[in-house]
Amino acid sequence: MLTITPIEFKEAKAFVARHHRHHRQIQGHKFSLAVVEGEQVVGVVIVGRPVARGNDNGWTLEVTRCCTDGTPNACSKLYSAARRAAAALGYRRLITYILASESGSTLKAANWILNGPAGGGSWDCASRPRVDKHPTELKLRYSTTL
């Protein structure tokens, strides 16, 4: 049986470092949750302030990482738990981004709404050269009202 439990940020980041397919570590969070099966952590969700300044209105949080070891239903359980926790803290909206190549089935199972395409591409430009350390494909934004 899958159970939701709190997890320290340091532990959540370590889980992401071991299991996430395409993103590096993040800098901070508002809260992190784990899903456990027995005594084993099988997934984590990290929720923080929105990365994009335009979404950082004081009432919105962003799922910045959702990562599992592949255990069935773990992702949708984490997204649902993140929604309940953010609502309990008084936030009004929760958003997240996935790659366009991902199905979004876990978000749909947790009753999140697809808002549509939202960015992607490279941050590298002539005036400020950068090395891309993230996937540059199109992203899709999902949200849920709390």
Protein backbone atom coordinates (compact mmCIF):
# COMPACT_ATOMS: atom_id res chain seq x y z
CA MET A 1 0.00 0.00 0.00
CA LEU A 2 1.28 3.48 -0.89
CA THR A 3 1.39 6.03 1.92
CA ILE A 4 2.21 9.75 1.85
CA THR A 5 4.72 11.05 4.39
CA PRO A 6 6.74 14.25 4.89
CA ILE A 7 10.37 14.16 3.79
CA GLU A 8 13.27 16.52 4.44
CA PHE A 9 14.37 18.63 1.46
CA LYS A 10 17.87 17.12 1.55
CA GLU A 11 16.47 13.58 1.32
CA ALA A 12 14.05 14.54 -1.47
CA LYS A 13 16.90 16.11 -3.46
CA ALA A 14 18.99 12.94 -3.01
CA PHE A 15 16.11 10.82 -4.31
CA VAL A 16 15.75 13.11 -7.35
CA ALA A 17 19.52 12.91 -8.00
CA ARG A 18 19.30 9.10 -8.09
CA HIS A 19 16.10 8.71 -10.11
CA HIS A 20 15.12 11.76 -12.21
CA ARG A 21 15.45 11.31 -15.97
CA HIS A 22 16.34 14.77 -17.18
CA HIS A 23 16.61 17.56 -14.59
CA ARG A 24 19.27 18.72 -12.19
CA GLN A 25 18.88 19.71 -8.56
CA ILE A 26 16.74 22.63 -7.43
CA GLN A 27 17.64 25.31 -4.91
CA GLY A 28 14.73 25.50 -2.50
CA HIS A 29 11.20 24.46 -1.62
CA LYS A 30 8.14 25.29 0.44
CA PHE A 31 7.54 21.60 1.25
CA SER A 32 8.41 18.11 0.08
CA LEU A 33 6.44 14.87 0.35
CA ALA A 34 7.37 11.24 -0.16
CA VAL A 35 5.31 8.24 -1.09
CA VAL A 36 6.42 5.06 0.65
CA GLU A 37 5.64 1.41 0.13
CA GLY A 38 6.27 -0.36 3.41
CA GLU A 39 9.43 1.35 4.67
CA GLN A 40 10.83 2.15 1.19
CA VAL A 41 10.58 5.62 -0.37
CA VAL A 42 9.38 5.06 -3.94
CA GLY A 43 8.79 8.69 -4.95
CA VAL A 44 9.01 12.34 -3.95
CA VAL A 45 7.37 15.61 -4.90
CA ILE A 46 9.05 18.96 -4.28
CA VAL A 47 6.86 22.06 -4.21
CA GLY A 48 8.16 25.63 -4.21
CA ARG A 49 7.59 29.14 -5.42
CA PRO A 50 6.93 29.39 -9.16
CA VAL A 51 10.09 29.61 -11.24
CA ALA A 52 8.58 32.18 -13.63
CA ARG A 53 8.24 35.58 -11.95
CA GLY A 54 4.90 36.20 -13.65
CA ASN A 55 3.37 33.26 -11.76
CA ASP A 56 4.87 34.21 -8.39
CA ASN A 57 1.87 36.14 -7.04
CA GLY A 58 1.91 34.85 -3.46
CA TRP A 59 -1.08 32.54 -4.04
CA THR A 60 0.52 30.08 -6.47
CA LEU A 61 2.98 27.25 -5.89
CA GLU A 62 4.78 25.07 -8.43
CA VAL A 63 5.61 21.38 -8.36
CA THR A 64 9.25 21.73 -9.35
CA ARG A 65 10.03 17.99 -9.20
CA CYS A 66 7.93 14.85 -9.14
CA CYS A 67 10.06 11.74 -9.28
CA THR A 68 9.46 8.04 -8.63
CA ASP A 69 11.26 4.77 -9.09
CA GLY A 70 8.50 3.61 -11.45
CA THR A 71 6.10 2.25 -8.83
CA PRO A 72 2.58 2.24 -10.34
CA ASN A 73 0.29 5.07 -9.17
CA ALA A 74 3.05 6.77 -7.14
CA CYS A 75 3.13 9.93 -9.31
CA SER A 76 -0.60 10.55 -9.28
CA LYS A 77 -0.67 9.93 -5.51
CA LEU A 78 2.11 12.53 -5.07
CA TYR A 79 0.37 15.12 -7.28
CA SER A 80 -2.87 14.66 -5.33
CA ALA A 81 -1.06 14.95 -1.99
CA ALA A 82 0.75 18.10 -3.14
CA ARG A 83 -2.61 19.60 -4.07
CA ARG A 84 -4.12 18.85 -0.65
CA ALA A 85 -1.05 20.18 1.20
CA ALA A 86 -0.92 23.41 -0.80
CA ALA A 87 -4.64 23.98 -0.20
CA ALA A 88 -4.19 23.35 3.53
CA LEU A 89 -1.46 26.01 3.57
CA GLY A 90 -3.85 28.56 2.03
CA TYR A 91 -2.57 28.66 -1.56
CA ARG A 92 -5.07 29.03 -4.41
CA ARG A 93 -3.30 27.48 -7.38
CA LEU A 94 -0.70 24.81 -8.08
CA ILE A 95 1.13 24.52 -11.41
CA THR A 96 3.68 22.21 -12.98
CA TYR A 97 5.38 21.70 -16.32
CA ILE A 98 6.11 18.49 -18.22
CA LEU A 99 7.86 17.79 -21.49
CA ALA A 100 5.59 17.66 -24.54
CA SER A 101 6.85 14.12 -25.16
CA GLU A 102 5.40 12.97 -21.81
CA SER A 103 1.80 11.74 -21.68
CA GLY A 104 0.56 13.65 -18.63
CA SER A 105 -1.47 10.61 -17.58
CA THR A 106 -0.49 10.96 -13.91
CA LEU A 107 -1.62 14.59 -13.86
CA LYS A 108 -4.88 13.71 -15.57
CA ALA A 109 -5.43 10.91 -13.02
CA ALA A 110 -4.98 13.48 -10.25
CA ASN A 111 -7.56 15.82 -11.92
CA TRP A 112 -5.11 18.50 -13.05
CA ILE A 113 -6.01 20.60 -16.11
CA LEU A 114 -3.81 20.98 -19.20
CA ASN A 115 -3.35 24.72 -19.86
CA GLY A 116 -1.39 24.20 -23.08
CA PRO A 117 2.12 24.85 -24.40
CA ALA A 118 4.36 26.92 -22.16
CA GLY A 119 7.86 27.58 -23.31
CA GLY A 120 10.79 25.38 -23.93
CA GLY A 121 13.84 26.10 -26.01
CA SER A 122 17.27 27.30 -25.09
CA TRP A 123 18.36 30.13 -22.80
CA ASP A 124 21.55 30.52 -24.85
CA CYS A 125 21.84 33.78 -26.79
CA ALA A 126 24.62 35.93 -28.23
CA SER A 127 24.41 38.55 -25.49
CA ARG A 128 24.49 35.94 -22.72
CA PRO A 129 25.93 32.58 -23.82
CA ARG A 130 24.84 29.57 -21.77
CA VAL A 131 25.21 25.81 -21.88
CA ASP A 132 21.81 24.11 -21.77
CA LYS A 133 21.65 21.59 -18.94
CA HIS A 134 17.98 20.82 -19.39
CA PRO A 135 15.78 19.45 -22.19
CA THR A 136 14.96 22.20 -24.69
CA GLU A 137 11.81 20.66 -26.14
CA LEU A 138 8.37 22.27 -25.79
CA LYS A 139 6.83 22.16 -22.30
CA LEU A 140 3.19 21.78 -21.32
CA ARG A 141 1.73 23.52 -18.28
CA TYR A 142 -0.82 21.85 -16.03
CA SER A 143 -2.61 23.50 -13.14
CA THR A 144 -5.14 22.85 -10.45
CA THR A 145 -7.25 25.31 -8.52
CA LEU A 146 -7.22 24.80 -4.77
